[in-house]
Protein backbone atom coordinates (compact mmCIF):
# COMPACT_ATOMS: atom_id res chain seq x y z
CA MET A 1 390.44 22.80 203.86
CA PRO A 2 393.70 21.77 202.10
CA SER A 3 394.96 25.37 202.28
CA ALA A 4 394.29 25.47 206.01
CA PHE A 5 396.06 22.14 206.43
CA LEU A 6 399.15 23.46 204.58
CA LEU A 7 399.04 26.61 206.66
CA VAL A 8 399.19 24.64 209.97
CA ASN A 9 402.00 22.46 208.67
CA LEU A 10 403.84 25.67 207.74
CA LEU A 11 403.24 27.19 211.16
CA SER A 12 404.36 23.89 212.76
CA ALA A 13 407.56 24.07 210.78
CA LEU A 14 408.03 27.73 211.83
CA PHE A 15 407.26 27.49 215.59
CA ILE A 16 407.90 23.88 216.61
CA PRO A 17 411.56 23.26 217.34
CA PHE A 18 412.87 20.11 215.83
CA VAL A 19 415.10 17.79 217.85
CA PHE A 20 417.04 15.43 215.76
CA GLY A 21 417.54 12.35 217.86
CA GLU A 22 416.65 8.67 217.92
CA THR A 23 413.12 9.12 219.53
CA GLU A 24 410.05 10.33 217.49
CA ILE A 25 406.53 11.30 218.47
CA ARG A 26 403.67 11.23 215.91
CA PHE A 27 400.00 10.48 215.35
CA ALA A 28 399.18 6.89 214.55
CA GLY A 29 396.10 5.56 212.76
CA GLN A 30 393.31 7.79 211.43
CA THR A 31 394.13 11.43 211.08
CA GLU A 32 391.12 12.67 209.09
CA PHE A 33 387.67 12.53 210.62
CA VAL A 34 384.17 13.50 209.23
CA VAL A 35 381.58 13.43 212.05
CA ASN A 36 378.10 14.52 212.86
CA GLU A 37 377.34 16.92 215.67
CA THR A 38 375.82 14.77 218.33
CA SER A 39 376.12 14.42 222.10
CA THR A 40 377.86 11.08 221.71
CA THR A 41 380.41 11.95 219.07
CA VAL A 42 384.00 11.51 220.36
CA ILE A 43 387.12 11.68 218.28
CA ARG A 44 389.84 9.10 219.28
CA LEU A 45 393.46 10.21 218.60
CA VAL A 46 396.40 7.84 219.05
CA ILE A 47 399.84 9.23 219.77
CA GLU A 48 402.79 6.87 219.39
CA ARG A 49 406.46 6.92 220.27
CA ILE A 50 408.99 5.18 218.04
CA GLY A 51 412.75 4.77 218.45
CA ASP A 52 414.63 4.81 221.79
CA PRO A 53 412.47 4.59 224.89
CA ALA A 54 412.04 7.94 226.72
CA ASN A 55 409.63 9.64 228.99
CA VAL A 56 407.75 12.09 226.71
CA THR A 57 404.74 14.41 227.20
CA ALA A 58 402.85 15.24 223.89
CA ILE A 59 400.38 18.08 223.50
CA VAL A 60 397.30 17.96 221.22
CA SER A 61 395.72 21.44 220.64
CA LEU A 62 393.19 23.06 218.40
CA TYR A 63 394.65 25.36 215.82
CA GLY A 64 392.74 28.72 215.37
CA GLU A 65 389.77 30.12 217.12
CA ASP A 66 387.81 28.13 219.65
CA THR A 67 384.23 28.11 218.22
CA GLY A 68 382.73 26.09 220.93
CA ASP A 69 382.30 23.04 218.83
CA PHE A 70 384.44 20.89 221.16
CA PHE A 71 384.24 20.34 224.90
CA ASP A 72 388.11 20.40 225.10
CA THR A 73 390.46 21.91 222.61
CA TYR A 74 393.69 20.90 224.50
CA ALA A 75 394.97 17.49 225.75
CA ALA A 76 398.25 16.23 227.17
CA ALA A 77 399.48 12.67 226.79
CA PHE A 78 402.37 11.29 228.85
CA ILE A 79 404.11 8.26 227.33
CA PRO A 80 406.49 6.67 229.89
CA ALA A 81 409.67 4.91 228.68
CA GLY A 82 408.06 1.53 229.25
CA GLU A 83 405.11 2.21 226.81
CA THR A 84 404.84 3.19 223.15
CA ASN A 85 401.50 5.06 222.76
CA ARG A 86 398.74 6.95 224.42
CA THR A 87 395.14 7.73 223.42
CA VAL A 88 393.39 11.10 223.86
CA TYR A 89 389.73 11.78 223.31
CA ILE A 90 388.15 14.94 221.85
CA ALA A 91 384.38 15.26 222.45
CA VAL A 92 382.11 17.16 220.03
CA CYS A 93 379.79 19.75 221.60
CA ASP A 94 376.18 19.32 220.41
CA ASP A 95 374.80 22.87 220.27
CA ASP A 96 371.58 24.24 218.74
CA LEU A 97 373.29 26.57 216.30
CA PRO A 98 372.63 26.03 212.60
CA GLU A 99 376.03 25.55 211.06
CA PRO A 100 377.35 24.48 207.63
CA ASP A 101 380.19 22.00 207.26
CA GLU A 102 383.16 23.02 209.46
CA THR A 103 386.69 21.72 209.29
CA PHE A 104 389.03 21.96 212.31
CA ILE A 105 392.81 21.13 212.66
CA PHE A 106 394.50 19.80 215.75
CA HIS A 107 398.23 19.62 215.81
CA LEU A 108 400.78 17.67 217.86
CA THR A 109 403.62 19.36 219.84
CA LEU A 110 406.11 18.44 222.58
CA GLN A 111 405.63 19.86 226.04
CA LYS A 112 409.42 20.08 226.61
CA PRO A 113 411.56 19.90 223.54
CA SER A 114 414.61 17.70 223.92
CA ALA A 115 417.69 17.03 221.81
CA ASN A 116 416.90 13.43 221.82
CA VAL A 117 413.18 13.60 220.88
CA ARG A 118 411.67 14.99 217.76
CA LEU A 119 408.24 15.27 216.02
CA GLY A 120 407.52 12.97 213.27
CA TRP A 121 404.78 12.73 210.62
CA PRO A 122 401.74 12.91 210.72
CA ARG A 123 401.72 15.62 213.26
CA THR A 124 398.20 17.14 212.39
CA VAL A 125 394.66 15.79 212.46
CA THR A 126 391.69 17.29 210.49
CA VAL A 127 388.11 17.02 211.92
CA THR A 128 385.10 17.98 209.72
CA ILE A 129 381.79 18.42 211.56
CA LEU A 130 378.99 18.13 208.99
CA SER A 131 376.26 20.78 208.63
CA ASN A 132 373.86 20.57 211.42
CA ASP A 133 370.85 22.09 213.15
CA ASN A 134 369.35 22.82 209.73
CA ALA A 135 372.11 25.04 208.57
CA PHE A 136 370.48 25.58 205.10
CA GLY A 137 367.10 26.27 206.62
CA ILE A 138 363.57 24.90 206.84
CA ILE A 139 361.31 26.27 204.16
CA SER A 140 357.61 26.96 204.69
CA PHE A 141 354.93 29.46 203.85
CA ASN A 142 354.77 32.40 206.17
CA MET A 143 351.17 33.49 205.55
CA PRO A 144 347.63 32.36 206.45
CA PHE A 145 346.77 28.93 205.10
CA SER A 146 343.73 30.21 203.21
CA ILE A 147 343.50 33.46 201.26
CA THR A 148 340.66 34.74 199.07
CA VAL A 149 341.17 36.78 195.96
CA SER A 150 338.95 38.25 193.29
CA GLU A 151 339.52 37.62 189.64
CA PRO A 152 340.35 40.98 188.08
CA ARG A 153 338.32 42.36 185.20
CA GLY A 154 340.07 43.33 182.05
CA ARG A 155 343.52 42.70 183.48
CA ASN A 156 345.65 40.25 185.44
CA GLU A 157 346.53 40.60 189.12
CA SER A 158 349.34 39.29 191.34
CA VAL A 159 348.98 37.39 194.59
CA PRO A 160 352.06 37.55 196.72
CA LEU A 161 353.25 34.24 198.37
CA THR A 162 355.52 34.77 201.34
CA LEU A 163 357.99 31.96 202.11
CA ILE A 164 360.28 31.88 205.11
CA ARG A 165 363.66 30.15 205.66
CA GLU A 166 363.84 29.26 209.36
CA LYS A 167 366.99 28.25 211.25
CA GLY A 168 370.03 28.49 208.98
CA THR A 169 370.32 30.67 205.89
CA TYR A 170 373.57 29.18 204.50
CA GLY A 171 373.92 28.71 200.79
CA MET A 172 371.44 29.06 197.93
CA VAL A 173 368.36 27.04 198.27
CA THR A 174 365.66 26.38 195.58
CA VAL A 175 362.22 24.99 196.37
CA THR A 176 359.70 23.76 193.79
CA PHE A 177 355.95 24.28 193.94
CA GLU A 178 352.92 23.05 192.03
CA VAL A 179 349.29 24.31 191.95
CA GLU A 180 346.66 21.58 192.33
CA GLY A 181 342.87 21.35 192.69
CA GLY A 182 340.17 23.53 191.22
CA PRO A 183 337.12 22.38 189.23
CA ASN A 184 338.97 23.46 186.04
CA PRO A 185 342.64 23.02 185.11
CA PRO A 186 344.68 25.51 187.30
CA GLU A 187 346.41 27.06 184.29
CA GLU A 188 343.02 28.56 183.19
CA ASP A 189 343.04 30.74 186.34
CA LEU A 190 346.56 30.94 187.66
CA SER A 191 350.08 31.42 186.25
CA PRO A 192 352.39 29.76 186.60
CA VAL A 193 351.03 26.46 187.92
CA LYS A 194 354.52 25.10 188.72
CA GLY A 195 357.91 26.49 189.17
CA ASN A 196 360.94 27.22 191.35
CA ILE A 197 361.46 29.72 194.17
CA THR A 198 365.04 30.53 195.11
CA PHE A 199 366.55 31.80 198.46
CA PRO A 200 369.86 33.52 197.90
CA PRO A 201 372.59 32.90 200.63
CA GLY A 202 371.67 34.63 203.83
CA ARG A 203 368.09 35.42 202.74
CA ALA A 204 365.45 34.27 205.24
CA THR A 205 362.27 35.53 203.41
CA VAL A 206 361.19 35.56 199.78
CA VAL A 207 358.06 36.93 198.22
CA TYR A 208 356.85 35.24 195.07
CA ASN A 209 354.03 36.66 192.95
CA LEU A 210 351.43 34.31 191.44
CA THR A 211 349.22 35.74 188.77
CA VAL A 212 345.43 35.50 188.76
CA LEU A 213 344.18 35.46 185.15
CA ASP A 214 341.10 37.15 183.80
CA ASP A 215 339.62 34.28 181.77
CA GLU A 216 336.09 35.79 181.25
CA VAL A 217 334.53 32.50 182.08
CA PRO A 218 331.63 32.39 184.53
CA GLU A 219 332.74 30.52 187.66
CA ASN A 220 331.71 29.85 191.19
CA ASP A 221 334.24 29.85 194.05
CA GLU A 222 337.35 27.92 192.93
CA ILE A 223 339.82 26.41 195.44
CA PHE A 224 343.38 25.74 194.50
CA LEU A 225 346.17 24.31 196.65
CA ILE A 226 349.77 25.57 196.27
CA GLN A 227 352.02 22.81 197.44
CA LEU A 228 355.86 22.97 198.13
CA LYS A 229 357.00 19.76 196.50
CA SER A 230 360.84 19.51 196.86
CA VAL A 231 363.93 21.45 197.78
CA GLU A 232 367.49 21.58 196.70
CA GLY A 233 370.53 23.04 198.38
CA GLY A 234 370.42 21.15 201.71
CA ALA A 235 367.32 22.70 203.15
CA GLU A 236 364.17 20.95 204.38
CA ILE A 237 360.37 21.58 203.85
CA ASN A 238 358.26 22.16 206.91
CA THR A 239 355.42 19.74 206.04
CA SER A 240 353.09 21.41 208.53
CA ARG A 241 353.23 24.58 206.57
CA SER A 242 354.03 23.38 203.06
CA SER A 243 350.71 24.36 201.37
CA VAL A 244 348.57 27.43 200.94
CA GLU A 245 344.88 27.43 199.79
CA ILE A 246 343.85 30.15 197.30
CA ILE A 247 340.17 30.77 196.89
CA ILE A 248 339.18 32.69 193.74
CA LYS A 249 335.77 34.22 194.44
CA LYS A 250 332.88 33.46 192.09
CA ASN A 251 333.11 35.85 189.16
CA ASP A 252 332.14 36.71 185.59
CA SER A 253 328.34 36.53 186.03
CA PRO A 254 326.92 35.49 182.64
CA VAL A 255 324.40 37.87 180.96
CA ARG A 256 322.29 36.51 178.09
CA PHE A 257 318.91 35.93 176.63
CA ILE A 258 317.11 32.69 177.57
CA GLN A 259 316.37 31.93 173.90
CA SER A 260 317.26 33.46 170.59
CA VAL A 261 314.06 33.21 168.54
CA TYR A 262 310.54 34.25 169.27
CA LEU A 263 307.65 33.57 166.86
CA VAL A 264 304.56 35.54 167.85
CA PRO A 265 301.14 36.04 166.30
CA GLU A 266 300.05 39.53 165.63
CA GLU A 267 297.17 38.98 168.09
CA ASP A 268 299.52 38.66 171.06
CA HIS A 269 299.58 42.20 172.18
CA ILE A 270 302.52 42.08 174.64
CA LEU A 271 305.76 40.13 174.05
CA ILE A 272 307.93 39.48 177.16
CA ILE A 273 311.60 38.71 176.56
CA PRO A 274 313.56 37.51 179.64
CA VAL A 275 317.12 38.59 180.17
CA VAL A 276 319.13 36.63 182.80
CA ARG A 277 322.36 37.10 184.68
CA GLY A 278 324.19 34.60 186.96
CA LYS A 279 322.60 31.43 185.60
CA ASP A 280 323.99 28.71 183.37
CA ASP A 281 322.03 26.90 180.59
CA SER A 282 320.44 24.64 183.13
CA GLY A 283 319.29 27.51 185.29
CA ASN A 284 321.89 26.92 188.05
CA LEU A 285 323.43 29.95 189.70
CA ILE A 286 326.98 30.72 188.58
CA GLY A 287 329.32 33.70 188.88
CA SER A 288 329.16 36.65 191.15
CA ASP A 289 325.78 38.07 192.22
CA GLU A 290 326.55 40.41 195.05
CA TYR A 291 327.16 43.41 192.73
CA GLU A 292 324.99 45.51 190.41
CA VAL A 293 325.32 44.71 186.73
CA SER A 294 323.93 46.72 183.79
CA ILE A 295 323.96 46.39 179.99
CA SER A 296 322.26 48.28 177.12
CA TYR A 297 320.44 46.95 174.06
CA VAL A 298 319.56 48.13 170.60
CA ILE A 299 316.76 47.25 168.24
CA VAL A 300 317.83 46.31 164.72
CA THR A 301 315.40 46.12 161.76
CA GLY A 302 315.39 46.83 158.01
CA ASN A 303 313.33 48.48 155.32
CA SER A 304 311.98 45.44 153.36
CA THR A 305 308.61 43.88 153.71
CA ALA A 306 310.21 41.10 155.65
CA HIS A 307 311.23 43.50 158.46
CA ALA A 308 308.94 44.71 161.16
CA GLN A 309 308.95 48.46 161.57
CA GLN A 310 309.29 50.03 165.04
CA ASN A 311 306.21 52.00 166.14
CA LEU A 312 304.27 50.58 163.19
CA ASP A 313 304.42 46.84 163.75
CA PHE A 314 305.80 46.83 167.32
CA ILE A 315 306.42 49.33 170.15
CA ASP A 316 309.39 49.22 172.61
CA LEU A 317 307.68 49.71 176.11
CA GLN A 318 310.93 50.34 178.03
CA SER A 319 311.53 53.94 179.24
CA ASN A 320 315.30 53.54 178.37
CA THR A 321 317.50 50.99 176.73
CA THR A 322 319.62 50.07 179.79
CA ILE A 323 318.88 46.80 181.74
CA VAL A 324 319.87 46.93 185.41
CA PHE A 325 320.36 43.87 187.64
CA PRO A 326 320.53 44.84 191.37
CA PRO A 327 322.48 42.55 193.73
CA PHE A 328 321.11 39.02 193.97
CA ILE A 329 318.50 39.74 191.16
CA TYR A 330 318.87 37.25 188.30
CA GLU A 331 316.20 38.05 185.78
CA SER A 332 314.83 41.07 184.03
CA HIS A 333 312.29 41.50 181.19
CA LEU A 334 311.97 43.47 178.05
CA LYS A 335 308.41 44.18 176.93
CA PHE A 336 307.24 44.94 173.41
CA GLN A 337 303.77 45.64 172.17
CA ILE A 338 302.78 43.92 168.97
CA VAL A 339 300.52 46.15 166.90
CA ASP A 340 297.46 44.22 165.63
CA ASP A 341 296.51 45.83 162.33
CA THR A 342 294.19 44.76 159.57
CA ILE A 343 296.81 44.66 156.78
CA PRO A 344 297.62 41.19 155.39
CA GLU A 345 301.33 40.68 155.93
CA ILE A 346 303.99 38.09 155.43
CA ALA A 347 306.24 37.17 158.35
CA GLU A 348 308.12 40.24 159.70
CA SER A 349 311.01 40.23 162.06
CA PHE A 350 313.24 42.52 164.13
CA HIS A 351 316.26 41.85 166.31
CA VAL A 352 317.15 42.89 169.90
CA VAL A 353 320.91 42.98 170.51
CA LEU A 354 322.70 43.19 173.85
CA LEU A 355 325.76 45.51 173.50
CA LYS A 356 328.96 44.08 174.91
CA ASP A 357 330.71 47.40 175.13
CA THR A 358 328.08 48.79 177.52
CA LEU A 359 328.34 45.92 180.01
CA LYS A 360 329.17 47.21 183.54
CA GLY A 361 329.93 45.14 186.64
CA ASP A 362 331.50 41.73 187.23
CA ALA A 363 329.81 40.01 184.27
CA VAL A 364 330.44 38.64 180.82
CA LEU A 365 328.13 38.59 177.79
CA LEU A 366 327.35 35.07 176.53
CA SER A 367 325.28 33.70 173.64
CA PRO A 368 322.54 34.11 172.90
CA SER A 369 323.10 37.86 172.96
CA VAL A 370 320.81 38.46 169.99
CA VAL A 371 317.04 37.74 169.81
CA GLN A 372 315.08 37.50 166.58
CA VAL A 373 311.38 38.29 166.92
CA THR A 374 309.15 37.16 164.05
CA ILE A 375 305.63 38.26 163.77
CA LYS A 376 303.59 35.58 162.11
CA PRO A 377 301.75 36.34 158.84
CA ASN A 378 298.07 37.09 159.50
CA ASP A 379 296.88 35.03 156.48
CA LYS A 380 298.02 31.92 154.66
CA PRO A 381 300.46 30.81 157.40
CA TYR A 382 301.89 27.99 155.32
CA GLY A 383 302.41 30.11 152.27
CA VAL A 384 301.17 30.48 148.66
CA LEU A 385 303.40 29.15 145.94
CA SER A 386 303.69 30.75 142.51
CA PHE A 387 306.41 31.46 139.93
CA ASN A 388 308.48 34.48 140.69
CA SER A 389 306.81 37.52 139.06
CA ALA A 390 310.23 38.72 137.93
CA LEU A 391 310.31 35.90 135.41
CA PHE A 392 307.44 37.51 133.48
CA GLU A 393 309.11 40.82 133.02
CA ARG A 394 310.91 39.51 129.98
CA THR A 395 310.85 36.19 128.10
CA VAL A 396 313.06 33.49 129.61
CA ILE A 397 315.39 32.32 126.89
CA ILE A 398 318.15 29.72 127.46
CA ASP A 399 321.13 29.63 125.23
CA GLU A 400 322.07 25.96 124.58
CA ASP A 401 325.52 26.79 123.33
CA THR A 402 326.64 28.71 126.51
CA THR A 403 324.47 27.29 129.30
CA SER A 404 324.73 23.75 130.68
CA ARG A 405 322.82 24.31 133.88
CA PHE A 406 320.01 26.92 134.33
CA GLU A 407 318.95 27.80 137.85
CA ASN A 408 317.16 31.11 137.33
CA ILE A 409 313.60 29.73 137.47
CA THR A 410 312.32 30.32 140.98
CA VAL A 411 309.16 29.66 142.90
CA VAL A 412 308.28 32.09 145.73
CA ARG A 413 306.40 31.37 148.90
CA ASN A 414 304.23 34.33 149.73
CA GLY A 415 302.39 34.76 153.08
CA GLY A 416 303.51 32.48 155.84
CA THR A 417 306.60 30.27 155.83
CA HIS A 418 305.63 27.85 158.59
CA GLY A 419 306.36 24.17 158.27
CA ASN A 420 308.02 22.13 155.56
CA ILE A 421 306.08 22.03 152.27
CA SER A 422 306.57 20.47 148.90
CA VAL A 423 304.92 20.56 145.44
CA ASN A 424 305.40 18.55 142.22
CA TRP A 425 306.32 20.14 138.91
CA VAL A 426 306.35 18.93 135.31
CA LEU A 427 308.03 20.11 132.13
CA THR A 428 306.55 19.54 128.65
CA ARG A 429 307.13 20.75 125.08
CA ASN A 430 304.93 23.54 123.94
CA SER A 431 305.03 22.34 120.36
CA SER A 432 304.13 19.42 118.15
CA ASP A 433 307.59 17.93 118.44
CA PRO A 434 306.98 14.39 119.58
CA SER A 435 310.61 13.80 120.85
CA PRO A 436 310.96 13.49 124.61
CA VAL A 437 311.82 16.63 126.59
CA THR A 438 314.91 15.02 128.04
CA ALA A 439 316.43 14.94 124.61
CA ASP A 440 317.05 18.63 125.07
CA ILE A 441 316.57 19.47 128.71
CA SER A 442 316.24 17.53 131.97
CA PRO A 443 314.68 16.48 134.27
CA SER A 444 311.16 16.53 132.92
CA SER A 445 309.59 16.51 136.40
CA GLY A 446 310.46 16.78 140.06
CA VAL A 447 309.53 17.75 143.56
CA LEU A 448 310.24 21.24 144.87
CA ARG A 449 310.69 21.43 148.66
CA PHE A 450 310.59 24.31 151.03
CA ALA A 451 311.97 24.10 154.59
CA GLN A 452 310.33 26.00 157.37
CA GLY A 453 311.17 29.70 157.06
CA GLN A 454 312.28 29.25 153.38
CA MET A 455 310.64 31.71 150.97
CA VAL A 456 312.38 31.04 147.60
CA ALA A 457 313.32 27.78 145.93
CA SER A 458 314.92 27.16 142.49
CA ILE A 459 314.03 24.52 139.84
CA PRO A 460 317.43 23.62 138.34
CA LEU A 461 317.40 22.40 134.77
CA THR A 462 320.27 20.77 132.83
CA VAL A 463 320.54 21.68 129.15
CA VAL A 464 321.73 19.04 126.66
CA ASN A 465 324.46 20.58 124.55
CA ASP A 466 324.40 18.65 121.18
CA ASP A 467 325.77 19.74 117.84
CA ILE A 468 322.48 19.28 116.00
CA PRO A 469 321.24 22.54 114.38
CA GLU A 470 317.87 23.23 115.91
CA GLU A 471 315.33 26.06 115.83
CA ALA A 472 314.18 27.78 118.98
CA GLU A 473 311.97 25.41 121.02
CA ALA A 474 309.28 26.27 123.56
CA TYR A 475 308.69 24.57 126.85
CA LEU A 476 305.95 24.73 129.43
CA LEU A 477 306.81 24.43 133.08
CA GLN A 478 303.95 23.84 135.54
CA ILE A 479 303.61 23.50 139.30
CA LEU A 480 300.80 21.11 140.11
CA PRO A 481 298.25 22.33 142.80
CA HIS A 482 296.94 18.86 143.57
CA THR A 483 300.39 17.60 144.61
CA ILE A 484 300.90 20.22 147.40
CA GLN A 485 301.98 18.89 150.76
CA GLY A 486 302.22 20.67 154.11
CA GLY A 487 299.17 22.93 154.01
CA ALA A 488 300.36 25.53 151.48
CA GLU A 489 298.46 26.60 148.35
CA VAL A 490 299.29 27.21 144.67
CA SER A 491 298.39 30.47 143.09
CA GLU A 492 298.83 32.13 139.71
CA PRO A 493 301.17 32.34 137.91
CA ALA A 494 301.57 28.51 138.18
CA GLU A 495 302.79 28.10 134.54
CA LEU A 496 305.95 29.43 132.89
CA LEU A 497 306.59 29.38 129.13
CA PHE A 498 310.30 29.62 128.26
CA TYR A 499 312.54 28.96 125.21
CA ILE A 500 315.78 27.28 124.28
CA GLN A 501 316.96 29.54 121.51
CA ASP A 502 318.00 28.24 118.05
CA SER A 503 321.34 26.68 118.16
CA ASP A 504 324.27 25.25 116.22
CA ASP A 505 323.59 27.68 113.28
CA VAL A 506 320.22 26.05 112.43
CA TYR A 507 319.66 28.57 109.58
CA GLY A 508 323.23 28.27 108.35
CA LEU A 509 326.32 30.34 108.15
CA ILE A 510 326.69 32.01 104.72
CA THR A 511 330.14 32.63 103.30
CA PHE A 512 331.99 32.82 100.01
CA PHE A 513 332.64 29.65 98.04
CA PRO A 514 336.33 28.92 97.31
CA ILE A 515 338.01 31.82 95.65
CA GLU A 516 338.44 30.12 92.34
CA ASN A 517 334.67 30.13 91.95
CA GLN A 518 334.70 33.99 92.03
CA LYS A 519 335.47 35.01 88.47
CA ILE A 520 334.66 37.12 85.44
CA GLU A 521 332.96 35.25 82.59
CA SER A 522 332.85 36.46 79.01
CA SER A 523 330.74 35.46 76.00
CA PRO A 524 330.20 37.09 72.67
CA GLY A 525 328.53 40.42 73.47
CA GLU A 526 328.27 39.86 77.31
CA ARG A 527 330.55 39.94 80.34
CA TYR A 528 329.49 38.78 83.90
CA LEU A 529 330.99 38.89 87.45
CA SER A 530 330.16 35.37 88.68
CA LEU A 531 329.90 35.06 92.49
CA SER A 532 329.52 31.79 94.47
CA PHE A 533 328.20 31.56 98.04
CA THR A 534 327.87 28.56 100.38
CA ARG A 535 325.62 27.87 103.37
CA LEU A 536 327.47 26.06 106.19
CA GLY A 537 325.77 24.34 109.16
CA GLY A 538 321.96 24.16 109.18
CA THR A 539 319.88 24.62 106.09
CA LYS A 540 316.48 25.27 107.77
CA GLY A 541 314.13 27.60 105.82
CA ASP A 542 314.58 30.05 102.93
CA VAL A 543 317.20 32.59 103.75
CA ARG A 544 317.67 35.93 101.93
CA MET A 545 321.20 37.36 101.77
CA PHE A 546 322.12 40.94 100.99
CA TYR A 547 325.40 41.99 99.48
CA SER A 548 327.06 44.85 97.50
CA ALA A 549 329.59 44.73 94.67
CA LEU A 550 331.85 47.76 93.78
CA TYR A 551 334.80 48.28 91.40
CA ILE A 552 338.30 49.27 92.65
CA PRO A 553 340.53 50.56 89.86
CA ALA A 554 344.12 49.29 89.50
CA GLY A 555 346.46 50.49 92.21
CA VAL A 556 346.04 50.39 95.98
CA VAL A 557 343.30 48.08 97.09
CA ASP A 558 341.50 50.50 99.30
CA PRO A 559 337.72 50.28 99.99
CA LEU A 560 337.61 54.05 99.91
CA ARG A 561 338.54 53.92 96.20
CA ALA A 562 335.65 51.58 95.41
CA LYS A 563 332.99 52.92 92.98
CA ASP A 564 329.93 51.77 91.17
CA GLY A 565 328.95 52.29 87.54
CA VAL A 566 330.86 49.26 86.28
CA LEU A 567 328.22 46.69 86.94
CA ASN A 568 324.94 46.94 85.19
CA ILE A 569 323.01 46.62 88.45
CA SER A 570 322.47 48.70 91.59
CA ARG A 571 325.18 48.62 94.29
CA ARG A 572 322.85 46.75 96.83
CA ASN A 573 321.66 43.36 95.77
CA SER A 574 320.18 40.15 97.30
CA LEU A 575 319.76 36.45 96.67
CA ILE A 576 317.86 33.59 98.30
CA PHE A 577 319.12 30.29 99.64
CA PRO A 578 316.19 27.94 99.37
CA GLU A 579 315.67 25.49 102.24
CA GLN A 580 318.13 22.59 102.20
CA LYS A 581 320.22 24.26 99.46
CA THR A 582 323.90 24.80 100.40
CA GLU A 583 325.29 26.61 97.30
CA VAL A 584 324.07 29.53 95.20
CA THR A 585 325.78 31.34 92.27
CA SER A 586 324.89 34.90 91.17
CA LYS A 587 325.97 36.40 87.87
CA LEU A 588 326.17 40.20 87.76
CA PRO A 589 326.29 41.79 84.20
CA ILE A 590 329.16 44.15 83.43
CA ARG A 591 328.40 47.17 81.30
CA ASN A 592 329.46 46.81 77.76
CA ASP A 593 331.15 50.22 77.79
CA ALA A 594 333.04 49.55 81.03
CA PHE A 595 336.82 49.32 80.68
CA LEU A 596 338.24 46.82 83.15
CA GLN A 597 341.82 47.69 83.95
CA ASN A 598 344.52 45.12 84.35
CA GLY A 599 345.13 44.72 88.12
CA ALA A 600 341.73 46.12 89.11
CA HIS A 601 339.51 44.44 91.69
CA PHE A 602 335.81 43.97 92.63
CA LEU A 603 334.94 44.57 96.30
CA VAL A 604 332.02 42.26 97.33
CA GLN A 605 330.56 42.70 100.92
CA VAL A 606 327.91 40.52 102.49
CA PHE A 607 325.68 42.03 105.21
């Protein structure tokens, strides 16, 4: 508006003749007005005369186009010589047109210019009529209050929200929205759950896309309310149409087995396994049910004695491996024939697996999606305990020097594995050694427990690693039939003999005595090669040691140059370390005719 104001002043300067006299006409009082557009809005303009008295007629007129915002855009004011001012009134026209802020300029002129009367300052008045009649619009939804959508499968889908800007479309307007309601947090099903929607200047309609998410969660009908919360830019919200209800239809019907484990006797000829769709864990309906759903299954088994074999132990009675749920049908059944033979068997099992990749229709696969079927053993349902037969294929020997904990002794539970059972065991020495077992290995007794379904259990033993040289020791491990709990039995083998091998060099470590004790001795008429050996570590028992002695002539000390014929004995000899003796000396006679070179060596090897 300042530029318009300057323009008017400039035009006044160009077109209004100035009279330089002693009488001046001008506006008095307020010259800038900011008003609302109402039927009672009137602008009061005061025109005054100063200087010499004179009869003067002043004109007040609107500069520019008449937009219809005032009832009168022209007024004349006669000021007689006996008065000094006059008041004129400009009434605002209250129309129904949405309009932004508008500024108008009224200027003052003389009806008849005179040499004695001139225009003074201020000679213009500005009037601003504030925006009115919803110039920036009234925002609301322009669509049915309630819309129903389906949750897409394997993808996301957009829901268009149409908003309208009624009345004025001046300026840029931004409205905020928020999603409320729903049994679950809205962000699990819709995106975004809050945000801004913008109307550019002049735009009366905007379409905003809300995304429905595929969450793969079974759900009944969900109701969400999209609420317009606030607006910026001068617009208003139409509270009667400020919300829209979105109903996401029930979806993702759950498909699953009712239970994951079936334990059946061989005498039950037919096993029925229910498969359900559209029900939660409590049996309440959930998810869509008006469409057909199908899924395939596969039977999984193995080749061991613990696995039931199809067509030998059981027969699949379905004509094909696809389960079909017609609309509004919530349960189907798989039937298997259990073959009742006369062969004693331990528990055998097979699995039925629902295949997620084959699922068709508005459904999701939930747990349990796998069923384990176990056919009970037909004898000894609580099992028969015995030591693992693999332990008797070779003698069990424990190395004290390398093993601190030994867990390879296992007891197996043949036959049935029903119920929790236990049995006591005891460990004793299988020798005349009176020292307690726990001096070498512990514990000396314990309780072995089997949980229901458990077929193998270990008896862990801790080996005492001392530094005392000891011979191999035998131990007898027994499971005690009279201590059995839980209905099981004990069968042979119920005893295991094992050994802790000799340790800490119990029989000694034989090596040469210090080098100075290896020497050649001479006496009149005889020469000897004197060798000294020592026995380190244990000294248990008489130990025979074998060795050889060869002569290497002077020169390079190379075992390949070694030869016999110098000593008056064979090249292979032996000696005995008696029990408890730690040092032995052997004298080997040298031939009288043998010439011993200066710098020659004897090569002695123990083996």
